[in-house]
Amino acid sequence: MYEKEIRKCPSCTYDTNEDYYSLFFLSISSGAFTFSFHTPYPIGQDQFPAPASLEKVVHEEQEGLFRFGRGLFEEEKVIFSEKSILQFFYESLEKYHITLQQPYVLS
C-alpha cells in the first residue's frame, strides 16, 4: 500500500520477489512408481533451478481436502513445518534411490 513512501525512506528496505507465490512441481516416474509433489518457491529456491529455466506447468484446481493449492490449516502448520517437509523430501529421494538402485542427482 505504501510502496512509494517505503522506497523514499532511507532506513527502509523493500524487496519484491516475483516468484514468492510460485510452486515447484517435481515428478519422478519409473515403471509403476510415480512420486510427485509441489513445493513453495521460498522453500524450494535453494534446491531447485531458477524458475525461468524450467518448463511452466499449468494445473486445474480440484475440489476437496487434497486439492492443488489448498493452504494449510493452522493445525497442519505445526505438523508440516519447512524442516519436516524437507526431511520428508530427502527421505523420499533416498527411498526412490534404494528402490531403483540408481543414484539421484538434485541440481
N, C-alpha and C. Protein backbone atom coordinates (compact mmCIF):
# COMPACT_ATOMS: atom_id res chain seq x y z
N MET A 1 0.81 -1.20 0.00
CA MET A 1 0.00 0.00 0.00
C MET A 1 0.86 1.26 0.00
N TYR A 2 1.99 1.25 0.68
CA TYR A 2 2.81 2.45 0.85
C TYR A 2 4.17 2.31 0.18
N GLU A 3 4.17 1.69 -0.99
CA GLU A 3 5.43 1.40 -1.67
C GLU A 3 6.24 2.67 -1.93
N LYS A 4 5.62 3.74 -2.39
CA LYS A 4 6.34 4.99 -2.69
C LYS A 4 7.01 5.54 -1.44
N GLU A 5 6.30 5.54 -0.33
CA GLU A 5 6.85 6.06 0.91
C GLU A 5 8.01 5.20 1.41
N ILE A 6 7.86 3.89 1.27
CA ILE A 6 8.91 2.98 1.72
C ILE A 6 10.17 3.17 0.87
N ARG A 7 9.99 3.32 -0.43
CA ARG A 7 11.15 3.49 -1.32
C ARG A 7 11.88 4.81 -1.04
N LYS A 8 11.15 5.84 -0.62
CA LYS A 8 11.77 7.13 -0.31
C LYS A 8 12.50 7.11 1.03
N CYS A 9 12.11 6.24 1.92
CA CYS A 9 12.68 6.17 3.27
C CYS A 9 14.10 5.61 3.23
N PRO A 10 15.12 6.35 3.70
CA PRO A 10 16.49 5.84 3.67
C PRO A 10 16.74 4.70 4.66
N SER A 11 15.88 4.56 5.66
CA SER A 11 16.05 3.50 6.66
C SER A 11 15.25 2.24 6.33
N CYS A 12 14.43 2.30 5.28
CA CYS A 12 13.55 1.18 4.94
C CYS A 12 14.16 0.36 3.81
N THR A 13 13.86 -0.93 3.82
CA THR A 13 14.25 -1.79 2.71
C THR A 13 12.99 -2.39 2.10
N TYR A 14 13.02 -2.55 0.81
CA TYR A 14 11.87 -3.09 0.09
C TYR A 14 12.39 -4.05 -0.97
N ASP A 15 11.95 -5.27 -0.92
CA ASP A 15 12.38 -6.28 -1.87
C ASP A 15 11.15 -6.94 -2.48
N THR A 16 11.05 -6.93 -3.79
CA THR A 16 9.94 -7.57 -4.48
C THR A 16 10.42 -8.92 -5.00
N ASN A 17 9.70 -9.96 -4.67
CA ASN A 17 10.03 -11.30 -5.16
C ASN A 17 8.87 -11.77 -6.03
N GLU A 18 9.06 -11.71 -7.34
CA GLU A 18 8.00 -12.04 -8.29
C GLU A 18 7.56 -13.50 -8.18
N ASP A 19 8.44 -14.37 -7.70
CA ASP A 19 8.13 -15.80 -7.64
C ASP A 19 7.64 -16.26 -6.27
N TYR A 20 7.38 -15.34 -5.35
CA TYR A 20 7.05 -15.71 -3.97
C TYR A 20 5.90 -16.72 -3.90
N TYR A 21 4.87 -16.55 -4.72
CA TYR A 21 3.70 -17.43 -4.67
C TYR A 21 3.78 -18.58 -5.69
N SER A 22 4.92 -18.72 -6.34
CA SER A 22 5.10 -19.80 -7.31
C SER A 22 5.35 -21.12 -6.58
N LEU A 23 5.07 -22.21 -7.29
CA LEU A 23 5.31 -23.55 -6.75
C LEU A 23 6.22 -24.32 -7.70
N PHE A 24 7.13 -25.09 -7.14
CA PHE A 24 7.89 -26.05 -7.92
C PHE A 24 7.08 -27.33 -7.96
N PHE A 25 7.04 -28.00 -9.12
CA PHE A 25 6.36 -29.28 -9.26
C PHE A 25 7.41 -30.31 -9.64
N LEU A 26 7.60 -31.29 -8.76
CA LEU A 26 8.58 -32.35 -9.00
C LEU A 26 7.82 -33.64 -9.22
N SER A 27 8.13 -34.33 -10.31
CA SER A 27 7.53 -35.61 -10.61
C SER A 27 8.63 -36.56 -11.06
N ILE A 28 8.71 -37.70 -10.38
CA ILE A 28 9.70 -38.73 -10.70
C ILE A 28 8.92 -39.99 -11.03
N SER A 29 9.15 -40.54 -12.22
CA SER A 29 8.46 -41.76 -12.64
C SER A 29 9.46 -42.80 -13.11
N SER A 30 9.16 -44.03 -12.75
CA SER A 30 9.96 -45.14 -13.23
C SER A 30 9.09 -46.39 -13.19
N GLY A 31 8.66 -46.83 -14.35
CA GLY A 31 7.79 -48.01 -14.40
C GLY A 31 6.49 -47.76 -13.66
N ALA A 32 6.21 -48.58 -12.64
CA ALA A 32 4.96 -48.48 -11.89
C ALA A 32 5.02 -47.42 -10.80
N PHE A 33 6.19 -46.86 -10.55
CA PHE A 33 6.34 -45.89 -9.47
C PHE A 33 6.25 -44.47 -9.99
N THR A 34 5.47 -43.65 -9.31
CA THR A 34 5.43 -42.22 -9.58
C THR A 34 5.39 -41.48 -8.26
N PHE A 35 6.25 -40.49 -8.14
CA PHE A 35 6.31 -39.66 -6.95
C PHE A 35 6.25 -38.22 -7.43
N SER A 36 5.26 -37.46 -6.95
CA SER A 36 5.18 -36.06 -7.37
C SER A 36 4.60 -35.22 -6.24
N PHE A 37 5.05 -33.97 -6.20
CA PHE A 37 4.54 -33.03 -5.21
C PHE A 37 4.89 -31.60 -5.61
N HIS A 38 4.28 -30.66 -4.92
CA HIS A 38 4.54 -29.23 -5.13
C HIS A 38 5.30 -28.69 -3.92
N THR A 39 6.22 -27.77 -4.17
CA THR A 39 6.97 -27.11 -3.11
C THR A 39 6.89 -25.61 -3.33
N PRO A 40 6.53 -24.83 -2.32
CA PRO A 40 6.51 -23.37 -2.47
C PRO A 40 7.90 -22.83 -2.81
N TYR A 41 7.93 -21.81 -3.63
CA TYR A 41 9.19 -21.22 -4.08
C TYR A 41 10.13 -20.86 -2.92
N PRO A 42 9.67 -20.18 -1.87
CA PRO A 42 10.61 -19.81 -0.81
C PRO A 42 11.28 -21.02 -0.15
N ILE A 43 10.62 -22.16 -0.11
CA ILE A 43 11.21 -23.36 0.48
C ILE A 43 12.12 -24.06 -0.51
N GLY A 44 11.74 -24.12 -1.77
CA GLY A 44 12.49 -24.88 -2.76
C GLY A 44 13.54 -24.11 -3.53
N GLN A 45 13.63 -22.80 -3.33
CA GLN A 45 14.53 -22.00 -4.16
C GLN A 45 16.00 -22.41 -4.05
N ASP A 46 16.40 -22.97 -2.93
CA ASP A 46 17.80 -23.41 -2.77
C ASP A 46 18.04 -24.81 -3.34
N GLN A 47 16.97 -25.59 -3.54
CA GLN A 47 17.12 -26.96 -4.02
C GLN A 47 16.82 -27.13 -5.51
N PHE A 48 16.06 -26.20 -6.09
CA PHE A 48 15.64 -26.33 -7.48
C PHE A 48 16.29 -25.25 -8.36
N PRO A 49 16.33 -25.48 -9.68
CA PRO A 49 16.87 -24.47 -10.59
C PRO A 49 16.00 -23.21 -10.61
N ALA A 50 16.52 -22.15 -11.19
CA ALA A 50 15.78 -20.89 -11.30
C ALA A 50 14.49 -21.12 -12.08
N PRO A 51 13.37 -20.54 -11.64
CA PRO A 51 12.08 -20.75 -12.31
C PRO A 51 12.11 -20.44 -13.81
N ALA A 52 12.86 -19.43 -14.21
CA ALA A 52 12.89 -19.05 -15.63
C ALA A 52 13.50 -20.15 -16.50
N SER A 53 14.30 -21.04 -15.90
CA SER A 53 14.94 -22.11 -16.67
C SER A 53 14.09 -23.37 -16.76
N LEU A 54 12.94 -23.38 -16.08
CA LEU A 54 12.08 -24.56 -16.04
C LEU A 54 10.85 -24.41 -16.94
N GLU A 55 10.31 -25.54 -17.35
CA GLU A 55 9.08 -25.54 -18.13
C GLU A 55 7.90 -25.15 -17.23
N LYS A 56 7.04 -24.29 -17.73
CA LYS A 56 5.86 -23.89 -16.96
C LYS A 56 4.83 -25.01 -16.97
N VAL A 57 4.28 -25.34 -15.80
CA VAL A 57 3.27 -26.38 -15.67
C VAL A 57 1.97 -25.71 -15.21
N VAL A 58 0.87 -26.03 -15.87
CA VAL A 58 -0.42 -25.45 -15.51
C VAL A 58 -1.31 -26.56 -14.97
N HIS A 59 -1.90 -26.32 -13.80
CA HIS A 59 -2.79 -27.28 -13.17
C HIS A 59 -4.16 -26.66 -13.00
N GLU A 60 -5.19 -27.48 -13.11
CA GLU A 60 -6.54 -27.02 -12.83
C GLU A 60 -6.86 -27.37 -11.38
N GLU A 61 -7.42 -26.41 -10.67
CA GLU A 61 -7.74 -26.62 -9.26
C GLU A 61 -8.83 -27.67 -9.12
N GLN A 62 -8.68 -28.53 -8.14
CA GLN A 62 -9.67 -29.55 -7.85
C GLN A 62 -10.40 -29.18 -6.56
N GLU A 63 -11.47 -29.86 -6.29
CA GLU A 63 -12.22 -29.65 -5.05
C GLU A 63 -11.77 -30.66 -4.01
N GLY A 64 -11.98 -30.37 -2.75
CA GLY A 64 -11.72 -31.33 -1.69
C GLY A 64 -10.51 -30.98 -0.86
N LEU A 65 -10.28 -31.78 0.16
CA LEU A 65 -9.22 -31.54 1.12
C LEU A 65 -7.83 -31.61 0.49
N PHE A 66 -7.63 -32.49 -0.48
CA PHE A 66 -6.30 -32.68 -1.06
C PHE A 66 -6.16 -31.99 -2.41
N ARG A 67 -6.85 -30.91 -2.60
CA ARG A 67 -6.79 -30.21 -3.87
C ARG A 67 -5.48 -29.43 -3.99
N PHE A 68 -5.07 -29.20 -5.21
CA PHE A 68 -3.87 -28.44 -5.51
C PHE A 68 -4.04 -27.00 -5.04
N GLY A 69 -3.04 -26.48 -4.36
CA GLY A 69 -3.06 -25.08 -3.98
C GLY A 69 -3.79 -24.76 -2.70
N ARG A 70 -4.30 -25.78 -1.98
CA ARG A 70 -5.00 -25.50 -0.73
C ARG A 70 -3.99 -25.07 0.31
N GLY A 71 -4.30 -24.00 1.03
CA GLY A 71 -3.46 -23.56 2.12
C GLY A 71 -3.57 -24.51 3.29
N LEU A 72 -2.56 -24.52 4.14
CA LEU A 72 -2.59 -25.39 5.31
C LEU A 72 -3.51 -24.83 6.38
N PHE A 73 -4.18 -25.72 7.09
CA PHE A 73 -4.95 -25.32 8.26
C PHE A 73 -3.96 -25.00 9.38
N GLU A 74 -4.37 -24.24 10.37
CA GLU A 74 -3.48 -23.87 11.47
C GLU A 74 -2.85 -25.09 12.13
N GLU A 75 -3.63 -26.16 12.31
CA GLU A 75 -3.10 -27.38 12.93
C GLU A 75 -2.02 -28.02 12.06
N GLU A 76 -2.18 -27.92 10.74
CA GLU A 76 -1.21 -28.51 9.82
C GLU A 76 0.10 -27.73 9.81
N LYS A 77 0.03 -26.43 10.06
CA LYS A 77 1.24 -25.62 10.05
C LYS A 77 2.20 -26.05 11.15
N VAL A 78 1.67 -26.57 12.23
CA VAL A 78 2.52 -27.07 13.32
C VAL A 78 3.12 -28.42 12.91
N ILE A 79 2.32 -29.26 12.28
CA ILE A 79 2.75 -30.60 11.89
C ILE A 79 3.71 -30.56 10.70
N PHE A 80 3.39 -29.75 9.70
CA PHE A 80 4.16 -29.72 8.46
C PHE A 80 5.01 -28.47 8.37
N SER A 81 6.05 -28.39 9.18
CA SER A 81 6.96 -27.26 9.15
C SER A 81 7.89 -27.39 7.94
N GLU A 82 8.57 -26.31 7.60
CA GLU A 82 9.52 -26.34 6.50
C GLU A 82 10.57 -27.42 6.73
N LYS A 83 11.04 -27.53 7.97
CA LYS A 83 12.06 -28.52 8.30
C LYS A 83 11.53 -29.94 8.08
N SER A 84 10.30 -30.22 8.50
CA SER A 84 9.76 -31.57 8.32
C SER A 84 9.49 -31.88 6.85
N ILE A 85 9.05 -30.90 6.09
CA ILE A 85 8.80 -31.11 4.66
C ILE A 85 10.11 -31.45 3.95
N LEU A 86 11.19 -30.72 4.27
CA LEU A 86 12.48 -31.02 3.68
C LEU A 86 12.96 -32.42 4.09
N GLN A 87 12.70 -32.80 5.33
CA GLN A 87 13.08 -34.13 5.80
C GLN A 87 12.33 -35.20 5.00
N PHE A 88 11.00 -35.03 4.82
CA PHE A 88 10.20 -35.98 4.04
C PHE A 88 10.70 -36.04 2.59
N PHE A 89 11.05 -34.89 2.05
CA PHE A 89 11.54 -34.81 0.68
C PHE A 89 12.81 -35.65 0.52
N TYR A 90 13.79 -35.45 1.39
CA TYR A 90 15.06 -36.17 1.27
C TYR A 90 14.89 -37.66 1.60
N GLU A 91 14.01 -38.00 2.52
CA GLU A 91 13.73 -39.41 2.81
C GLU A 91 13.11 -40.08 1.60
N SER A 92 12.21 -39.39 0.93
CA SER A 92 11.56 -39.95 -0.26
C SER A 92 12.56 -40.14 -1.39
N LEU A 93 13.47 -39.17 -1.57
CA LEU A 93 14.50 -39.34 -2.59
C LEU A 93 15.39 -40.54 -2.28
N GLU A 94 15.71 -40.73 -1.02
CA GLU A 94 16.54 -41.88 -0.63
C GLU A 94 15.79 -43.20 -0.88
N LYS A 95 14.50 -43.26 -0.56
CA LYS A 95 13.71 -44.47 -0.81
C LYS A 95 13.64 -44.75 -2.31
N TYR A 96 13.47 -43.70 -3.10
CA TYR A 96 13.44 -43.85 -4.55
C TYR A 96 14.78 -44.41 -5.04
N HIS A 97 15.86 -43.87 -4.52
CA HIS A 97 17.21 -44.32 -4.87
C HIS A 97 17.39 -45.81 -4.55
N ILE A 98 16.97 -46.22 -3.36
CA ILE A 98 17.10 -47.62 -2.94
C ILE A 98 16.24 -48.53 -3.82
N THR A 99 15.02 -48.09 -4.12
CA THR A 99 14.11 -48.90 -4.93
C THR A 99 14.66 -49.15 -6.32
N LEU A 100 15.24 -48.14 -6.93
CA LEU A 100 15.72 -48.27 -8.30
C LEU A 100 17.19 -48.66 -8.39
N GLN A 101 17.88 -48.67 -7.25
CA GLN A 101 19.31 -48.98 -7.24
C GLN A 101 20.07 -48.02 -8.15
N GLN A 102 19.62 -46.75 -8.19
CA GLN A 102 20.28 -45.73 -9.01
C GLN A 102 20.52 -44.50 -8.16
N PRO A 103 21.61 -43.80 -8.42
CA PRO A 103 21.85 -42.55 -7.69
C PRO A 103 20.88 -41.47 -8.14
N TYR A 104 20.56 -40.58 -7.26
CA TYR A 104 19.74 -39.43 -7.65
C TYR A 104 20.61 -38.20 -7.67
N VAL A 105 20.28 -37.29 -8.56
CA VAL A 105 21.02 -36.05 -8.69
C VAL A 105 20.01 -34.93 -8.57
N LEU A 106 20.27 -34.03 -7.66
CA LEU A 106 19.40 -32.86 -7.48
C LEU A 106 20.25 -31.64 -7.78
N SER A 107 19.95 -30.97 -8.88
CA SER A 107 20.75 -29.79 -9.23
C SER A 107 19.88 -28.57 -9.35
